[in-house]
Amino acid sequence: MADKHTPGPWRVGDAGMTVFGPPQGLPPLVVARTQNRDNAKAIAALPELIEAARRASDILSQAFAGDPTARELRRILARIDGEDA
């Protein structure tokens, strides 16, 4: 399924508490504002993490269709996609 969130890459701003989307002109697109740099870094990594999780889900679904971890990963990805799962 196509991602509905702002496409990556996302980056942490110079002050360390704002996450910006891909460069699209001025003003830059603010994806999130956080209370600390660690949260900002975690949020900025989400587009890449979601893409990696989708690839892992495809592999797990083929190799271990009934595995609880594979089902849990599919459920979480469905939540990201806005589906009730």
PDB file of N, CA and C in Angstrom:
ATOM      1  N   MET A   1       0.835  -1.174   0.000  1.00  0.00           N
ATOM      2  CA  MET A   1       0.000   0.000   0.000  1.00  0.00           C
ATOM      3  C   MET A   1       0.876   1.231   0.000  1.00  0.00           C
ATOM      4  N   ALA A   2       0.445   2.282  -0.672  1.00  0.00           N
ATOM      5  CA  ALA A   2       1.193   3.524  -0.719  1.00  0.00           C
ATOM      6  C   ALA A   2       1.116   4.231   0.630  1.00  0.00           C
ATOM      7  N   ASP A   3       2.220   4.833   1.011  1.00  0.00           N
ATOM      8  CA  ASP A   3       2.236   5.560   2.271  1.00  0.00           C
ATOM      9  C   ASP A   3       1.394   6.819   2.159  1.00  0.00           C
ATOM     10  N   LYS A   4       0.661   7.107   3.229  1.00  0.00           N
ATOM     11  CA  LYS A   4      -0.181   8.300   3.276  1.00  0.00           C
ATOM     12  C   LYS A   4       0.517   9.438   4.005  1.00  0.00           C
ATOM     13  N   HIS A   5       1.619   9.126   4.675  1.00  0.00           N
ATOM     14  CA  HIS A   5       2.348  10.165   5.404  1.00  0.00           C
ATOM     15  C   HIS A   5       3.225  10.964   4.447  1.00  0.00           C
ATOM     16  N   THR A   6       3.768  12.053   4.944  1.00  0.00           N
ATOM     17  CA  THR A   6       4.703  12.862   4.166  1.00  0.00           C
ATOM     18  C   THR A   6       5.891  11.989   3.775  1.00  0.00           C
ATOM     19  N   PRO A   7       6.237  11.943   2.492  1.00  0.00           N
ATOM     20  CA  PRO A   7       7.345  11.084   2.077  1.00  0.00           C
ATOM     21  C   PRO A   7       8.671  11.553   2.685  1.00  0.00           C
ATOM     22  N   GLY A   8       9.588  10.613   2.822  1.00  0.00           N
ATOM     23  CA  GLY A   8      10.916  10.939   3.332  1.00  0.00           C
ATOM     24  C   GLY A   8      11.792  11.458   2.217  1.00  0.00           C
ATOM     25  N   PRO A   9      12.993  11.788   2.488  1.00  0.00           N
ATOM     26  CA  PRO A   9      13.603  11.681   3.807  1.00  0.00           C
ATOM     27  C   PRO A   9      13.176  12.827   4.717  1.00  0.00           C
ATOM     28  N   TRP A  10      13.135  12.528   6.019  1.00  0.00           N
ATOM     29  CA  TRP A  10      12.888  13.549   7.017  1.00  0.00           C
ATOM     30  C   TRP A  10      14.214  13.848   7.697  1.00  0.00           C
ATOM     31  N   ARG A  11      14.355  15.046   8.214  1.00  0.00           N
ATOM     32  CA  ARG A  11      15.607  15.414   8.881  1.00  0.00           C
ATOM     33  C   ARG A  11      15.307  16.246  10.120  1.00  0.00           C
ATOM     34  N   VAL A  12      16.234  16.190  11.055  1.00  0.00           N
ATOM     35  CA  VAL A  12      16.136  16.979  12.278  1.00  0.00           C
ATOM     36  C   VAL A  12      16.764  18.335  11.993  1.00  0.00           C
ATOM     37  N   GLY A  13      16.079  19.387  12.400  1.00  0.00           N
ATOM     38  CA  GLY A  13      16.587  20.744  12.191  1.00  0.00           C
ATOM     39  C   GLY A  13      17.793  21.038  13.070  1.00  0.00           C
ATOM     40  N   ASP A  14      18.430  22.160  12.801  1.00  0.00           N
ATOM     41  CA  ASP A  14      19.650  22.534  13.504  1.00  0.00           C
ATOM     42  C   ASP A  14      19.454  22.669  15.009  1.00  0.00           C
ATOM     43  N   ALA A  15      18.292  23.137  15.453  1.00  0.00           N
ATOM     44  CA  ALA A  15      18.047  23.293  16.892  1.00  0.00           C
ATOM     45  C   ALA A  15      17.786  21.947  17.566  1.00  0.00           C
ATOM     46  N   GLY A  16      17.486  20.902  16.768  1.00  0.00           N
ATOM     47  CA  GLY A  16      17.379  19.565  17.300  1.00  0.00           C
ATOM     48  C   GLY A  16      16.017  19.131  17.793  1.00  0.00           C
ATOM     49  N   MET A  17      14.988  19.972  17.698  1.00  0.00           N
ATOM     50  CA  MET A  17      13.682  19.585  18.213  1.00  0.00           C
ATOM     51  C   MET A  17      12.577  19.651  17.174  1.00  0.00           C
ATOM     52  N   THR A  18      12.916  19.987  15.947  1.00  0.00           N
ATOM     53  CA  THR A  18      11.932  20.057  14.869  1.00  0.00           C
ATOM     54  C   THR A  18      12.345  19.085  13.778  1.00  0.00           C
ATOM     55  N   VAL A  19      11.344  18.349  13.251  1.00  0.00           N
ATOM     56  CA  VAL A  19      11.588  17.401  12.169  1.00  0.00           C
ATOM     57  C   VAL A  19      10.980  17.990  10.903  1.00  0.00           C
ATOM     58  N   PHE A  20      11.787  18.046   9.855  1.00  0.00           N
ATOM     59  CA  PHE A  20      11.354  18.607   8.585  1.00  0.00           C
ATOM     60  C   PHE A  20      11.238  17.504   7.536  1.00  0.00           C
ATOM     61  N   GLY A  21      10.291  17.689   6.625  1.00  0.00           N
ATOM     62  CA  GLY A  21      10.133  16.781   5.503  1.00  0.00           C
ATOM     63  C   GLY A  21      11.161  17.073   4.435  1.00  0.00           C
ATOM     64  N   PRO A  22      10.994  16.446   3.264  1.00  0.00           N
ATOM     65  CA  PRO A  22      11.964  16.647   2.190  1.00  0.00           C
ATOM     66  C   PRO A  22      11.959  18.100   1.724  1.00  0.00           C
ATOM     67  N   PRO A  23      13.096  18.564   1.234  1.00  0.00           N
ATOM     68  CA  PRO A  23      13.161  19.945   0.757  1.00  0.00           C
ATOM     69  C   PRO A  23      12.148  20.180  -0.357  1.00  0.00           C
ATOM     70  N   GLN A  24      11.271  21.153  -0.156  1.00  0.00           N
ATOM     71  CA  GLN A  24      10.251  21.484  -1.158  1.00  0.00           C
ATOM     72  C   GLN A  24      10.112  22.984  -1.302  1.00  0.00           C
ATOM     73  N   GLY A  25      11.129  23.706  -0.931  1.00  0.00           N
ATOM     74  CA  GLY A  25      11.056  25.150  -1.021  1.00  0.00           C
ATOM     75  C   GLY A  25      10.952  25.777   0.353  1.00  0.00           C
ATOM     76  N   LEU A  26      10.610  27.028   0.356  1.00  0.00           N
ATOM     77  CA  LEU A  26      10.525  27.765   1.616  1.00  0.00           C
ATOM     78  C   LEU A  26       9.085  28.186   1.861  1.00  0.00           C
ATOM     79  N   PRO A  27       8.597  28.164   3.071  1.00  0.00           N
ATOM     80  CA  PRO A  27       9.291  27.661   4.249  1.00  0.00           C
ATOM     81  C   PRO A  27       9.336  26.146   4.231  1.00  0.00           C
ATOM     82  N   PRO A  28      10.277  25.564   4.950  1.00  0.00           N
ATOM     83  CA  PRO A  28      10.377  24.099   4.966  1.00  0.00           C
ATOM     84  C   PRO A  28       9.150  23.477   5.633  1.00  0.00           C
ATOM     85  N   LEU A  29       8.799  22.268   5.205  1.00  0.00           N
ATOM     86  CA  LEU A  29       7.652  21.553   5.731  1.00  0.00           C
ATOM     87  C   LEU A  29       7.983  20.965   7.103  1.00  0.00           C
ATOM     88  N   VAL A  30       7.266  21.408   8.136  1.00  0.00           N
ATOM     89  CA  VAL A  30       7.466  20.880   9.483  1.00  0.00           C
ATOM     90  C   VAL A  30       6.618  19.619   9.631  1.00  0.00           C
ATOM     91  N   VAL A  31       7.266  18.499   9.945  1.00  0.00           N
ATOM     92  CA  VAL A  31       6.577  17.231  10.152  1.00  0.00           C
ATOM     93  C   VAL A  31       6.196  17.085  11.620  1.00  0.00           C
ATOM     94  N   ALA A  32       7.093  17.495  12.524  1.00  0.00           N
ATOM     95  CA  ALA A  32       6.827  17.365  13.961  1.00  0.00           C
ATOM     96  C   ALA A  32       7.715  18.312  14.751  1.00  0.00           C
ATOM     97  N   ARG A  33       7.214  18.688  15.918  1.00  0.00           N
ATOM     98  CA  ARG A  33       8.009  19.431  16.900  1.00  0.00           C
ATOM     99  C   ARG A  33       8.037  18.573  18.160  1.00  0.00           C
ATOM    100  N   THR A  34       9.206  18.451  18.761  1.00  0.00           N
ATOM    101  CA  THR A  34       9.349  17.569  19.919  1.00  0.00           C
ATOM    102  C   THR A  34       9.942  18.328  21.093  1.00  0.00           C
ATOM    103  N   GLN A  35      10.025  17.637  22.221  1.00  0.00           N
ATOM    104  CA  GLN A  35      10.598  18.221  23.434  1.00  0.00           C
ATOM    105  C   GLN A  35      12.083  17.929  23.595  1.00  0.00           C
ATOM    106  N   ASN A  36      12.589  16.964  22.802  1.00  0.00           N
ATOM    107  CA  ASN A  36      14.023  16.683  22.916  1.00  0.00           C
ATOM    108  C   ASN A  36      14.565  16.089  21.619  1.00  0.00           C
ATOM    109  N   ARG A  37      15.866  16.141  21.486  1.00  0.00           N
ATOM    110  CA  ARG A  37      16.552  15.715  20.259  1.00  0.00           C
ATOM    111  C   ARG A  37      16.385  14.214  19.991  1.00  0.00           C
ATOM    112  N   ASP A  38      16.384  13.391  21.046  1.00  0.00           N
ATOM    113  CA  ASP A  38      16.238  11.949  20.843  1.00  0.00           C
ATOM    114  C   ASP A  38      14.892  11.617  20.195  1.00  0.00           C
ATOM    115  N   ASN A  39      13.824  12.261  20.640  1.00  0.00           N
ATOM    116  CA  ASN A  39      12.516  12.046  20.008  1.00  0.00           C
ATOM    117  C   ASN A  39      12.536  12.506  18.558  1.00  0.00           C
ATOM    118  N   ALA A  40      13.163  13.640  18.304  1.00  0.00           N
ATOM    119  CA  ALA A  40      13.238  14.156  16.932  1.00  0.00           C
ATOM    120  C   ALA A  40      13.983  13.178  16.024  1.00  0.00           C
ATOM    121  N   LYS A  41      15.076  12.603  16.517  1.00  0.00           N
ATOM    122  CA  LYS A  41      15.838  11.640  15.706  1.00  0.00           C
ATOM    123  C   LYS A  41      15.002  10.391  15.423  1.00  0.00           C
ATOM    124  N   ALA A  42      14.257   9.926  16.418  1.00  0.00           N
ATOM    125  CA  ALA A  42      13.412   8.740  16.223  1.00  0.00           C
ATOM    126  C   ALA A  42      12.317   9.023  15.201  1.00  0.00           C
ATOM    127  N   ILE A  43      11.684  10.170  15.296  1.00  0.00           N
ATOM    128  CA  ILE A  43      10.617  10.537  14.359  1.00  0.00           C
ATOM    129  C   ILE A  43      11.186  10.678  12.948  1.00  0.00           C
ATOM    130  N   ALA A  44      12.352  11.305  12.816  1.00  0.00           N
ATOM    131  CA  ALA A  44      12.949  11.524  11.497  1.00  0.00           C
ATOM    132  C   ALA A  44      13.269  10.206  10.789  1.00  0.00           C
ATOM    133  N   ALA A  45      13.511   9.142  11.539  1.00  0.00           N
ATOM    134  CA  ALA A  45      13.841   7.845  10.952  1.00  0.00           C
ATOM    135  C   ALA A  45      12.604   7.056  10.505  1.00  0.00           C
ATOM    136  N   LEU A  46      11.401   7.508  10.850  1.00  0.00           N
ATOM    137  CA  LEU A  46      10.199   6.716  10.585  1.00  0.00           C
ATOM    138  C   LEU A  46       9.958   6.352   9.122  1.00  0.00           C
ATOM    139  N   PRO A  47      10.103   7.238   8.136  1.00  0.00           N
ATOM    140  CA  PRO A  47       9.859   6.805   6.751  1.00  0.00           C
ATOM    141  C   PRO A  47      10.739   5.627   6.333  1.00  0.00           C
ATOM    142  N   GLU A  48      12.019   5.660   6.728  1.00  0.00           N
ATOM    143  CA  GLU A  48      12.925   4.552   6.395  1.00  0.00           C
ATOM    144  C   GLU A  48      12.546   3.287   7.160  1.00  0.00           C
ATOM    145  N   LEU A  49      12.162   3.445   8.422  1.00  0.00           N
ATOM    146  CA  LEU A  49      11.764   2.300   9.241  1.00  0.00           C
ATOM    147  C   LEU A  49      10.509   1.634   8.683  1.00  0.00           C
ATOM    148  N   ILE A  50       9.538   2.430   8.249  1.00  0.00           N
ATOM    149  CA  ILE A  50       8.308   1.883   7.672  1.00  0.00           C
ATOM    150  C   ILE A  50       8.618   1.113   6.396  1.00  0.00           C
ATOM    151  N   GLU A  51       9.479   1.668   5.554  1.00  0.00           N
ATOM    152  CA  GLU A  51       9.835   0.979   4.312  1.00  0.00           C
ATOM    153  C   GLU A  51      10.534  -0.351   4.601  1.00  0.00           C
ATOM    154  N   ALA A  52      11.451  -0.357   5.560  1.00  0.00           N
ATOM    155  CA  ALA A  52      12.147  -1.593   5.932  1.00  0.00           C
ATOM    156  C   ALA A  52      11.162  -2.602   6.530  1.00  0.00           C
ATOM    157  N   ALA A  53      10.208  -2.130   7.320  1.00  0.00           N
ATOM    158  CA  ALA A  53       9.205  -3.022   7.911  1.00  0.00           C
ATOM    159  C   ALA A  53       8.319  -3.640   6.836  1.00  0.00           C
ATOM    160  N   ARG A  54       7.987  -2.875   5.802  1.00  0.00           N
ATOM    161  CA  ARG A  54       7.187  -3.425   4.701  1.00  0.00           C
ATOM    162  C   ARG A  54       7.948  -4.545   3.978  1.00  0.00           C
ATOM    163  N   ARG A  55       9.243  -4.321   3.733  1.00  0.00           N
ATOM    164  CA  ARG A  55      10.047  -5.369   3.084  1.00  0.00           C
ATOM    165  C   ARG A  55      10.143  -6.604   3.971  1.00  0.00           C
ATOM    166  N   ALA A  56      10.382  -6.395   5.264  1.00  0.00           N
ATOM    167  CA  ALA A  56      10.482  -7.520   6.195  1.00  0.00           C
ATOM    168  C   ALA A  56       9.150  -8.256   6.283  1.00  0.00           C
ATOM    169  N   SER A  57       8.054  -7.528   6.259  1.00  0.00           N
ATOM    170  CA  SER A  57       6.734  -8.156   6.323  1.00  0.00           C
ATOM    171  C   SER A  57       6.495  -9.047   5.112  1.00  0.00           C
ATOM    172  N   ASP A  58       6.898  -8.589   3.940  1.00  0.00           N
ATOM    173  CA  ASP A  58       6.747  -9.404   2.730  1.00  0.00           C
ATOM    174  C   ASP A  58       7.533 -10.717   2.865  1.00  0.00           C
ATOM    175  N   ILE A  59       8.754 -10.619   3.352  1.00  0.00           N
ATOM    176  CA  ILE A  59       9.595 -11.811   3.504  1.00  0.00           C
ATOM    177  C   ILE A  59       9.009 -12.743   4.565  1.00  0.00           C
ATOM    178  N   LEU A  60       8.624 -12.177   5.714  1.00  0.00           N
ATOM    179  CA  LEU A  60       8.066 -12.997   6.786  1.00  0.00           C
ATOM    180  C   LEU A  60       6.759 -13.661   6.365  1.00  0.00           C
ATOM    181  N   SER A  61       5.943 -12.929   5.635  1.00  0.00           N
ATOM    182  CA  SER A  61       4.653 -13.477   5.207  1.00  0.00           C
ATOM    183  C   SER A  61       4.839 -14.674   4.283  1.00  0.00           C
ATOM    184  N   GLN A  62       5.862 -14.629   3.460  1.00  0.00           N
ATOM    185  CA  GLN A  62       6.128 -15.753   2.551  1.00  0.00           C
ATOM    186  C   GLN A  62       6.744 -16.936   3.282  1.00  0.00           C
ATOM    187  N   ALA A  63       7.666 -16.660   4.191  1.00  0.00           N
ATOM    188  CA  ALA A  63       8.404 -17.742   4.844  1.00  0.00           C
ATOM    189  C   ALA A  63       7.724 -18.272   6.107  1.00  0.00           C
ATOM    190  N   PHE A  64       7.016 -17.374   6.817  1.00  0.00           N
ATOM    191  CA  PHE A  64       6.446 -17.747   8.110  1.00  0.00           C
ATOM    192  C   PHE A  64       5.027 -17.185   8.247  1.00  0.00           C
ATOM    193  N   ALA A  65       4.153 -17.540   7.343  1.00  0.00           N
ATOM    194  CA  ALA A  65       2.813 -16.944   7.271  1.00  0.00           C
ATOM    195  C   ALA A  65       2.056 -17.002   8.589  1.00  0.00           C
ATOM    196  N   GLY A  66       2.160 -18.067   9.344  1.00  0.00           N
ATOM    197  CA  GLY A  66       1.404 -18.199  10.577  1.00  0.00           C
ATOM    198  C   GLY A  66       2.124 -17.695  11.812  1.00  0.00           C
ATOM    199  N   ASP A  67       3.327 -17.188  11.639  1.00  0.00           N
ATOM    200  CA  ASP A  67       4.133 -16.753  12.775  1.00  0.00           C
ATOM    201  C   ASP A  67       3.508 -15.535  13.460  1.00  0.00           C
ATOM    202  N   PRO A  68       3.435 -15.517  14.796  1.00  0.00           N
ATOM    203  CA  PRO A  68       2.841 -14.391  15.513  1.00  0.00           C
ATOM    204  C   PRO A  68       3.561 -13.064  15.247  1.00  0.00           C
ATOM    205  N   THR A  69       4.872 -13.105  15.087  1.00  0.00           N
ATOM    206  CA  THR A  69       5.611 -11.872  14.801  1.00  0.00           C
ATOM    207  C   THR A  69       5.234 -11.321  13.432  1.00  0.00           C
ATOM    208  N   ALA A  70       5.083 -12.194  12.436  1.00  0.00           N
ATOM    209  CA  ALA A  70       4.673 -11.755  11.097  1.00  0.00           C
ATOM    210  C   ALA A  70       3.285 -11.136  11.149  1.00  0.00           C
ATOM    211  N   ARG A  71       2.384 -11.746  11.911  1.00  0.00           N
ATOM    212  CA  ARG A  71       1.019 -11.194  12.033  1.00  0.00           C
ATOM    213  C   ARG A  71       1.034  -9.844  12.733  1.00  0.00           C
ATOM    214  N   GLU A  72       1.846  -9.725  13.777  1.00  0.00           N
ATOM    215  CA  GLU A  72       1.942  -8.465  14.518  1.00  0.00           C
ATOM    216  C   GLU A  72       2.491  -7.346  13.625  1.00  0.00           C
ATOM    217  N   LEU A  73       3.496  -7.651  12.834  1.00  0.00           N
ATOM    218  CA  LEU A  73       4.063  -6.657  11.932  1.00  0.00           C
ATOM    219  C   LEU A  73       3.027  -6.209  10.906  1.00  0.00           C
ATOM    220  N   ARG A  74       2.260  -7.141  10.349  1.00  0.00           N
ATOM    221  CA  ARG A  74       1.194  -6.776   9.403  1.00  0.00           C
ATOM    222  C   ARG A  74       0.137  -5.913  10.082  1.00  0.00           C
ATOM    223  N   ARG A  75      -0.188  -6.219  11.344  1.00  0.00           N
ATOM    224  CA  ARG A  75      -1.183  -5.438  12.084  1.00  0.00           C
ATOM    225  C   ARG A  75      -0.701  -4.002  12.304  1.00  0.00           C
ATOM    226  N   ILE A  76       0.563  -3.851  12.671  1.00  0.00           N
ATOM    227  CA  ILE A  76       1.120  -2.513  12.895  1.00  0.00           C
ATOM    228  C   ILE A  76       1.162  -1.727  11.586  1.00  0.00           C
ATOM    229  N   LEU A  77       1.582  -2.358  10.500  1.00  0.00           N
ATOM    230  CA  LEU A  77       1.611  -1.666   9.205  1.00  0.00           C
ATOM    231  C   LEU A  77       0.205  -1.270   8.771  1.00  0.00           C
ATOM    232  N   ALA A  78      -0.784  -2.096   9.070  1.00  0.00           N
ATOM    233  CA  ALA A  78      -2.175  -1.738   8.748  1.00  0.00           C
ATOM    234  C   ALA A  78      -2.611  -0.510   9.531  1.00  0.00           C
ATOM    235  N   ARG A  79      -2.179  -0.410  10.793  1.00  0.00           N
ATOM    236  CA  ARG A  79      -2.498   0.797  11.577  1.00  0.00           C
ATOM    237  C   ARG A  79      -1.868   2.040  10.956  1.00  0.00           C
ATOM    238  N   ILE A  80      -0.635   1.899  10.494  1.00  0.00           N
ATOM    239  CA  ILE A  80       0.042   3.031   9.841  1.00  0.00           C
ATOM    240  C   ILE A  80      -0.731   3.447   8.596  1.00  0.00           C
ATOM    241  N   ASP A  81      -1.281   2.471   7.879  1.00  0.00           N
ATOM    242  CA  ASP A  81      -2.034   2.742   6.660  1.00  0.00           C
ATOM    243  C   ASP A  81      -3.454   3.236   6.941  1.00  0.00           C
ATOM    244  N   GLY A  82      -3.828   3.304   8.225  1.00  0.00           N
ATOM    245  CA  GLY A  82      -5.155   3.802   8.575  1.00  0.00           C
ATOM    246  C   GLY A  82      -6.234   2.748   8.520  1.00  0.00           C
ATOM    247  N   GLU A  83      -5.826   1.495   8.463  1.00  0.00           N
ATOM    248  CA  GLU A  83      -6.800   0.399   8.431  1.00  0.00           C
ATOM    249  C   GLU A  83      -7.013  -0.098   9.848  1.00  0.00           C
ATOM    250  N   ASP A  84      -8.200  -0.517  10.165  1.00  0.00           N
ATOM    251  CA  ASP A  84      -8.468  -1.125  11.462  1.00  0.00           C
ATOM    252  C   ASP A  84      -8.032  -2.568  11.411  1.00  0.00           C
ATOM    253  N   ALA A  85      -6.995  -2.865  12.160  1.00  0.00           N
ATOM    254  CA  ALA A  85      -6.500  -4.251  12.173  1.00  0.00           C
ATOM    255  C   ALA A  85      -6.169  -4.665  13.588  1.00  0.00           C
TER     256      ALA A  85
END
